[in-house]
C-alpha atoms as a PDB file:
ATOM      1  CA  MET A   1     -10.425  -8.748   2.847  1.00  0.00           C
ATOM      2  CA  ARG A   2      -7.017  -7.260   3.629  1.00  0.00           C
ATOM      3  CA  VAL A   3      -5.406  -5.374   0.763  1.00  0.00           C
ATOM      4  CA  LEU A   4      -1.980  -3.795   0.508  1.00  0.00           C
ATOM      5  CA  GLY A   5      -1.923  -0.806  -1.824  1.00  0.00           C
ATOM      6  CA  ILE A   6       1.331   0.468  -3.308  1.00  0.00           C
ATOM      7  CA  ASP A   7       1.864   3.861  -4.925  1.00  0.00           C
ATOM      8  CA  PRO A   8       5.216   3.004  -6.552  1.00  0.00           C
ATOM      9  CA  GLY A   9       8.108   5.406  -6.679  1.00  0.00           C
ATOM     10  CA  LEU A  10      11.878   5.228  -6.318  1.00  0.00           C
ATOM     11  CA  THR A  11      12.241   8.288  -4.089  1.00  0.00           C
ATOM     12  CA  ARG A  12       8.953   7.819  -2.197  1.00  0.00           C
ATOM     13  CA  CYS A  13       6.861   4.653  -2.265  1.00  0.00           C
ATOM     14  CA  GLY A  14       3.515   4.877  -0.511  1.00  0.00           C
ATOM     15  CA  VAL A  15       2.281   1.680   1.136  1.00  0.00           C
ATOM     16  CA  GLY A  16      -1.140   1.343   2.743  1.00  0.00           C
ATOM     17  CA  VAL A  17      -2.915  -1.633   4.291  1.00  0.00           C
ATOM     18  CA  VAL A  18      -6.685  -1.700   4.808  1.00  0.00           C
ATOM     19  CA  ASP A  19      -9.249  -4.220   5.928  1.00  0.00           C
ATOM     20  CA  VAL A  20     -12.479  -3.999   3.915  1.00  0.00           C
ATOM     21  CA  ALA A  21     -15.669  -5.790   4.964  1.00  0.00           C
ATOM     22  CA  SER A  22     -18.373  -7.190   2.686  1.00  0.00           C
ATOM     23  CA  ASP A  23     -20.475  -4.064   3.359  1.00  0.00           C
ATOM     24  CA  ARG A  24     -17.615  -1.954   1.869  1.00  0.00           C
ATOM     25  CA  SER A  25     -16.682  -0.435   5.212  1.00  0.00           C
ATOM     26  CA  ALA A  26     -12.911   0.026   5.467  1.00  0.00           C
ATOM     27  CA  LYS A  27     -10.484   0.177   8.370  1.00  0.00           C
ATOM     28  CA  LEU A  28      -6.929   1.480   8.351  1.00  0.00           C
ATOM     29  CA  VAL A  29      -4.373  -1.138   9.361  1.00  0.00           C
ATOM     30  CA  ASP A  30      -1.118   0.612   8.510  1.00  0.00           C
ATOM     31  CA  VAL A  31       0.337   3.256   6.236  1.00  0.00           C
ATOM     32  CA  VAL A  32       3.929   4.242   5.596  1.00  0.00           C
ATOM     33  CA  VAL A  33       5.998   5.964   2.932  1.00  0.00           C
ATOM     34  CA  LEU A  34       9.213   4.113   2.106  1.00  0.00           C
ATOM     35  CA  ARG A  35      12.075   6.312   0.962  1.00  0.00           C
ATOM     36  CA  SER A  36      15.418   5.843  -0.774  1.00  0.00           C
ATOM     37  CA  PRO A  37      18.108   8.553  -0.886  1.00  0.00           C
ATOM     38  CA  ALA A  38      18.872   9.955  -4.316  1.00  0.00           C
ATOM     39  CA  ASP A  39      22.619   9.738  -3.664  1.00  0.00           C
ATOM     40  CA  LEU A  40      22.531   5.923  -3.627  1.00  0.00           C
ATOM     41  CA  ASP A  41      22.962   3.936  -6.826  1.00  0.00           C
ATOM     42  CA  THR A  42      19.801   2.479  -8.357  1.00  0.00           C
ATOM     43  CA  PRO A  43      20.331  -1.139  -7.244  1.00  0.00           C
ATOM     44  CA  SER A  44      20.803   0.011  -3.631  1.00  0.00           C
ATOM     45  CA  ARG A  45      17.682   2.156  -3.802  1.00  0.00           C
ATOM     46  CA  LEU A  46      15.648  -0.748  -5.181  1.00  0.00           C
ATOM     47  CA  ALA A  47      16.976  -3.015  -2.432  1.00  0.00           C
ATOM     48  CA  ARG A  48      16.047  -0.472   0.240  1.00  0.00           C
ATOM     49  CA  ILE A  49      12.445  -0.214  -0.964  1.00  0.00           C
ATOM     50  CA  ALA A  50      12.265  -3.999  -1.397  1.00  0.00           C
ATOM     51  CA  ASP A  51      13.359  -4.545   2.206  1.00  0.00           C
ATOM     52  CA  GLY A  52      10.550  -2.285   3.389  1.00  0.00           C
ATOM     53  CA  LEU A  53       7.925  -4.028   1.267  1.00  0.00           C
ATOM     54  CA  GLU A  54       9.088  -7.440   2.491  1.00  0.00           C
ATOM     55  CA  ALA A  55       8.840  -6.342   6.118  1.00  0.00           C
ATOM     56  CA  ILE A  56       5.345  -4.899   5.699  1.00  0.00           C
ATOM     57  CA  LEU A  57       4.080  -7.974   3.845  1.00  0.00           C
ATOM     58  CA  GLU A  58       5.546 -10.227   6.526  1.00  0.00           C
ATOM     59  CA  GLU A  59       3.890  -8.246   9.300  1.00  0.00           C
ATOM     60  CA  HIS A  60       0.417  -7.756   7.842  1.00  0.00           C
ATOM     61  CA  ARG A  61      -0.049 -10.756   5.518  1.00  0.00           C
ATOM     62  CA  PRO A  62      -2.527  -9.159   3.052  1.00  0.00           C
ATOM     63  CA  ASN A  63      -4.870 -11.191   0.838  1.00  0.00           C
ATOM     64  CA  ALA A  64      -4.021  -9.160  -2.271  1.00  0.00           C
ATOM     65  CA  VAL A  65      -1.733  -6.418  -3.562  1.00  0.00           C
ATOM     66  CA  ALA A  66      -2.903  -3.418  -5.599  1.00  0.00           C
ATOM     67  CA  LEU A  67      -0.491  -1.284  -7.630  1.00  0.00           C
ATOM     68  CA  GLU A  68      -0.890   1.896  -9.623  1.00  0.00           C
ATOM     69  CA  ARG A  69      -0.543   1.091 -13.311  1.00  0.00           C
ATOM     70  CA  VAL A  70       2.425   2.847 -14.906  1.00  0.00           C
ATOM     71  CA  PHE A  71       1.421   5.247 -17.654  1.00  0.00           C
ATOM     72  CA  ALA A  72       3.305   7.603 -19.964  1.00  0.00           C
ATOM     73  CA  ARG A  73       4.563  10.865 -18.535  1.00  0.00           C
ATOM     74  CA  SER A  74       6.878  13.545 -19.849  1.00  0.00           C
ATOM     75  CA  ASP A  75       9.505  12.795 -17.176  1.00  0.00           C
ATOM     76  CA  VAL A  76      11.279   9.642 -18.356  1.00  0.00           C
ATOM     77  CA  SER A  77      13.243   9.280 -15.109  1.00  0.00           C
ATOM     78  CA  THR A  78       9.988   9.229 -13.130  1.00  0.00           C
ATOM     79  CA  ILE A  79       8.543   6.540 -15.404  1.00  0.00           C
ATOM     80  CA  MET A  80      11.677   4.427 -15.000  1.00  0.00           C
ATOM     81  CA  GLY A  81      11.675   4.659 -11.216  1.00  0.00           C
ATOM     82  CA  THR A  82       7.977   3.897 -10.986  1.00  0.00           C
ATOM     83  CA  ALA A  83       8.288   0.922 -13.341  1.00  0.00           C
ATOM     84  CA  GLN A  84      11.305  -0.451 -11.487  1.00  0.00           C
ATOM     85  CA  ILE A  85       9.563  -0.347  -8.103  1.00  0.00           C
ATOM     86  CA  SER A  86       6.408  -1.827  -9.644  1.00  0.00           C
ATOM     87  CA  GLY A  87       8.466  -4.748 -10.904  1.00  0.00           C
ATOM     88  CA  VAL A  88      10.071  -5.246  -7.501  1.00  0.00           C
ATOM     89  CA  ALA A  89       6.664  -5.192  -5.796  1.00  0.00           C
ATOM     90  CA  MET A  90       5.138  -7.665  -8.252  1.00  0.00           C
ATOM     91  CA  LEU A  91       8.075 -10.048  -7.845  1.00  0.00           C
ATOM     92  CA  ILE A  92       7.827  -9.965  -4.049  1.00  0.00           C
ATOM     93  CA  ALA A  93       4.062 -10.567  -4.195  1.00  0.00           C
ATOM     94  CA  ALA A  94       4.443 -13.381  -6.740  1.00  0.00           C
ATOM     95  CA  ARG A  95       6.944 -15.171  -4.515  1.00  0.00           C
ATOM     96  CA  ARG A  96       4.285 -15.134  -1.791  1.00  0.00           C
ATOM     97  CA  ALA A  97       1.616 -16.360  -4.231  1.00  0.00           C
ATOM     98  CA  LEU A  98      -0.381 -13.174  -3.703  1.00  0.00           C
ATOM     99  CA  PRO A  99      -2.725 -11.906  -6.427  1.00  0.00           C
ATOM    100  CA  VAL A 100      -1.601  -8.581  -7.886  1.00  0.00           C
ATOM    101  CA  ALA A 101      -3.905  -6.073  -9.578  1.00  0.00           C
ATOM    102  CA  LEU A 102      -3.011  -2.917 -11.503  1.00  0.00           C
ATOM    103  CA  HIS A 103      -5.335   0.087 -11.403  1.00  0.00           C
ATOM    104  CA  THR A 104      -5.020   3.318 -13.355  1.00  0.00           C
ATOM    105  CA  PRO A 105      -5.183   6.642 -11.507  1.00  0.00           C
ATOM    106  CA  SER A 106      -8.551   7.412 -13.148  1.00  0.00           C
ATOM    107  CA  GLU A 107      -9.977   4.076 -11.994  1.00  0.00           C
ATOM    108  CA  VAL A 108      -8.904   4.785  -8.438  1.00  0.00           C
ATOM    109  CA  LYS A 109     -10.258   8.343  -8.506  1.00  0.00           C
ATOM    110  CA  ALA A 110     -13.587   7.168  -9.891  1.00  0.00           C
ATOM    111  CA  ALA A 111     -13.902   4.429  -7.264  1.00  0.00           C
ATOM    112  CA  ILE A 112     -13.007   6.698  -4.348  1.00  0.00           C
ATOM    113  CA  THR A 113     -14.618  10.010  -5.324  1.00  0.00           C
ATOM    114  CA  GLY A 114     -17.026   9.083  -8.110  1.00  0.00           C
ATOM    115  CA  TYR A 115     -15.095  11.313 -10.504  1.00  0.00           C
ATOM    116  CA  GLY A 116     -12.214  10.047 -12.643  1.00  0.00           C
ATOM    117  CA  ARG A 117     -10.519  13.442 -12.824  1.00  0.00           C
ATOM    118  CA  ALA A 118     -10.543  14.287  -9.125  1.00  0.00           C
ATOM    119  CA  ASP A 119      -7.398  15.988  -7.805  1.00  0.00           C
ATOM    120  CA  LYS A 120      -5.160  14.670  -5.039  1.00  0.00           C
ATOM    121  CA  LYS A 121      -6.817  16.886  -2.437  1.00  0.00           C
ATOM    122  CA  GLN A 122     -10.235  15.420  -3.220  1.00  0.00           C
ATOM    123  CA  VAL A 123      -8.890  11.853  -3.175  1.00  0.00           C
ATOM    124  CA  GLY A 124      -7.138  12.429   0.146  1.00  0.00           C
ATOM    125  CA  ALA A 125     -10.257  13.916   1.702  1.00  0.00           C
ATOM    126  CA  MET A 126     -12.379  10.955   0.625  1.00  0.00           C
ATOM    127  CA  VAL A 127      -9.797   8.449   1.869  1.00  0.00           C
ATOM    128  CA  ALA A 128      -9.883  10.110   5.286  1.00  0.00           C
ATOM    129  CA  ARG A 129     -13.685  10.064   5.257  1.00  0.00           C
ATOM    130  CA  ILE A 130     -13.906   6.406   4.196  1.00  0.00           C
ATOM    131  CA  LEU A 131     -11.433   5.322   6.862  1.00  0.00           C
ATOM    132  CA  GLY A 132     -12.896   7.566   9.555  1.00  0.00           C
ATOM    133  CA  LEU A 133      -9.680   9.554  10.031  1.00  0.00           C
ATOM    134  CA  GLU A 134      -9.553  13.025  11.541  1.00  0.00           C
ATOM    135  CA  VAL A 135      -6.940  14.246   9.086  1.00  0.00           C
ATOM    136  CA  VAL A 136      -5.838  13.324   5.573  1.00  0.00           C
ATOM    137  CA  PRO A 137      -2.880  10.896   5.516  1.00  0.00           C
ATOM    138  CA  LYS A 138       0.236  12.698   4.313  1.00  0.00           C
ATOM    139  CA  PRO A 139       2.257  12.913   2.183  1.00  0.00           C
ATOM    140  CA  ALA A 140       0.059  12.330  -0.854  1.00  0.00           C
ATOM    141  CA  ASP A 141       1.846   9.041  -1.553  1.00  0.00           C
ATOM    142  CA  ALA A 142       0.328   7.634   1.655  1.00  0.00           C
ATOM    143  CA  ALA A 143      -3.219   8.662   0.741  1.00  0.00           C
ATOM    144  CA  ASP A 144      -2.770   7.356  -2.811  1.00  0.00           C
ATOM    145  CA  ALA A 145      -1.637   3.947  -1.537  1.00  0.00           C
ATOM    146  CA  LEU A 146      -4.678   3.692   0.737  1.00  0.00           C
ATOM    147  CA  ALA A 147      -6.932   4.768  -2.130  1.00  0.00           C
ATOM    148  CA  LEU A 148      -5.492   1.977  -4.285  1.00  0.00           C
ATOM    149  CA  ALA A 149      -6.165  -0.601  -1.580  1.00  0.00           C
ATOM    150  CA  ILE A 150      -9.754   0.566  -1.060  1.00  0.00           C
ATOM    151  CA  CYS A 151     -10.385   0.748  -4.807  1.00  0.00           C
ATOM    152  CA  HIS A 152      -9.184  -2.815  -5.327  1.00  0.00           C
ATOM    153  CA  ALA A 153     -11.268  -4.211  -2.481  1.00  0.00           C
ATOM    154  CA  TRP A 154     -14.393  -2.449  -3.731  1.00  0.00           C
ATOM    155  CA  ARG A 155     -13.870  -3.480  -7.360  1.00  0.00           C
ATOM    156  CA  THR A 156     -13.229  -7.123  -6.492  1.00  0.00           C
ATOM    157  CA  GLY A 157     -15.495  -7.488  -3.466  1.00  0.00           C
ATOM    158  CA  GLY A 158     -18.322  -9.933  -2.895  1.00  0.00           C
ATOM    159  CA  ALA A 159     -17.675 -13.576  -3.680  1.00  0.00           C
ATOM    160  CA  ALA A 160     -14.155 -12.987  -4.987  1.00  0.00           C
ATOM    161  CA  GLY A 161     -13.103 -11.035  -1.920  1.00  0.00           C
ATOM    162  CA  ALA A 162     -14.687 -13.548   0.434  1.00  0.00           C
ATOM    163  CA  ALA A 163     -12.961 -16.448  -1.289  1.00  0.00           C
ATOM    164  CA  ILE A 164      -9.565 -14.811  -0.943  1.00  0.00           C
ATOM    165  CA  ALA A 165     -10.207 -13.994   2.711  1.00  0.00           C
ATOM    166  CA  ASP A 166     -11.372 -17.545   3.463  1.00  0.00           C
ATOM    167  CA  ALA A 167      -8.315 -19.026   1.779  1.00  0.00           C
ATOM    168  CA  SER A 168      -5.977 -17.178   4.131  1.00  0.00           C
ATOM    169  CA  GLY A 169      -8.236 -17.005   7.159  1.00  0.00           C
ATOM    170  CA  ALA A 170      -6.496 -19.890   8.864  1.00  0.00           C
ATOM    171  CA  GLY A 171      -3.318 -17.859   9.065  1.00  0.00           C
ATOM    172  CA  ALA A 172      -4.897 -14.665  10.340  1.00  0.00           C
ATOM    173  CA  ALA A 173      -4.557 -15.581  13.995  1.00  0.00           C
ATOM    174  CA  GLY A 174      -0.848 -16.082  13.536  1.00  0.00           C
ATOM    175  CA  ARG A 175      -0.056 -12.681  12.043  1.00  0.00           C
ATOM    176  CA  GLY A 176       1.359 -11.338  15.275  1.00  0.00           C
ATOM    177  CA  ALA A 177       3.642 -14.315  15.709  1.00  0.00           C
ATOM    178  CA  ASP A 178       4.712 -14.143  12.065  1.00  0.00           C
ATOM    179  CA  ALA A 179       5.663 -10.481  12.442  1.00  0.00           C
ATOM    180  CA  ALA A 180       7.879 -11.451  15.357  1.00  0.00           C
ATOM    181  CA  GLY A 181       9.717 -13.717  12.910  1.00  0.00           C
ATOM    182  CA  MET A 182      11.221 -10.753  11.059  1.00  0.00           C
ATOM    183  CA  THR A 183      14.954 -10.310  11.412  1.00  0.00           C
ATOM    184  CA  PRO A 184      16.165  -7.680  13.920  1.00  0.00           C
ATOM    185  CA  ALA A 185      17.400  -5.612  10.980  1.00  0.00           C
ATOM    186  CA  GLN A 186      13.963  -5.681   9.312  1.00  0.00           C
ATOM    187  CA  ARG A 187      12.214  -4.663  12.547  1.00  0.00           C
ATOM    188  CA  ALA A 188      14.676  -1.840  13.231  1.00  0.00           C
ATOM    189  CA  TRP A 189      14.504  -0.576   9.647  1.00  0.00           C
ATOM    190  CA  LEU A 190      10.713  -0.571   9.559  1.00  0.00           C
ATOM    191  CA  ALA A 191      10.475   1.124  12.961  1.00  0.00           C
ATOM    192  CA  ALA A 192      12.807   3.892  11.774  1.00  0.00           C
ATOM    193  CA  GLU A 193      10.809   4.401   8.563  1.00  0.00           C
ATOM    194  CA  ARG A 194       7.549   4.665  10.479  1.00  0.00           C
ATOM    195  CA  ALA A 195       8.959   7.070  13.042  1.00  0.00           C
ATOM    196  CA  ALA A 196      10.017   9.347  10.201  1.00  0.00           C
ATOM    197  CA  SER A 197       7.106   9.128   7.817  1.00  0.00           C
ATOM    198  CA  VAL A 198       3.865   7.547   9.051  1.00  0.00           C
ATOM    199  CA  SER A 199       1.026  10.045   9.002  1.00  0.00           C
ATOM    200  CA  GLY A 200      -0.316  11.491  12.245  1.00  0.00           C
ATOM    201  CA  ALA A 201      -3.719  10.068  11.406  1.00  0.00           C
ATOM    202  CA  ALA A 202      -2.328   6.552  11.260  1.00  0.00           C
ATOM    203  CA  ARG A 203      -0.494   6.992  14.539  1.00  0.00           C
ATOM    204  CA  ARG A 204      -3.669   8.041  16.330  1.00  0.00           C
ATOM    205  CA  VAL A 205      -5.617   5.117  14.895  1.00  0.00           C
ATOM    206  CA  ARG A 206      -2.995   2.617  16.036  1.00  0.00           C
ATOM    207  CA  GLU A 207      -2.745   4.175  19.485  1.00  0.00           C
END
């Protein structure tokens, strides 16, 4: 089962892709933090993040998308940005007929560490351990996105996960060719984002 996890944010949006087997073992496929400059207007920032999500979905063709559920915080501007990016992500997934699941931070922490009040350091350490990485993916948005993907796969595994994987299995062999179908602008944009922000752990895994 291939899951794309998204830790939504307007300034930084963590995106992680993992493959999870029926025995719950997980493998890192990709991780990146999409960014939008604060000096752009909101529509332009949303479009920038949307372009990145589209490119990643086109390249990796996940079976499902997992998002952090928006919850009340004291910073209204943070809530707005998170909600806006969540809406963009859900729209993009819906247009691809991908199932979308929302998980609260406590659900993710409990699934990954066994403790619903674990801190970011503990979550990051467990993500690295689960994926067999030498170092914790950074920044925290990257580790959180991977944690969301792993959490979703584990919570919906078994028959449900197998059914989703089987439904899209026929297209798995064509993922490489599909990625080549991205526009030159999408490929250049995504390459620049990765060069600037993909964690060292992810680079070593891909190499």
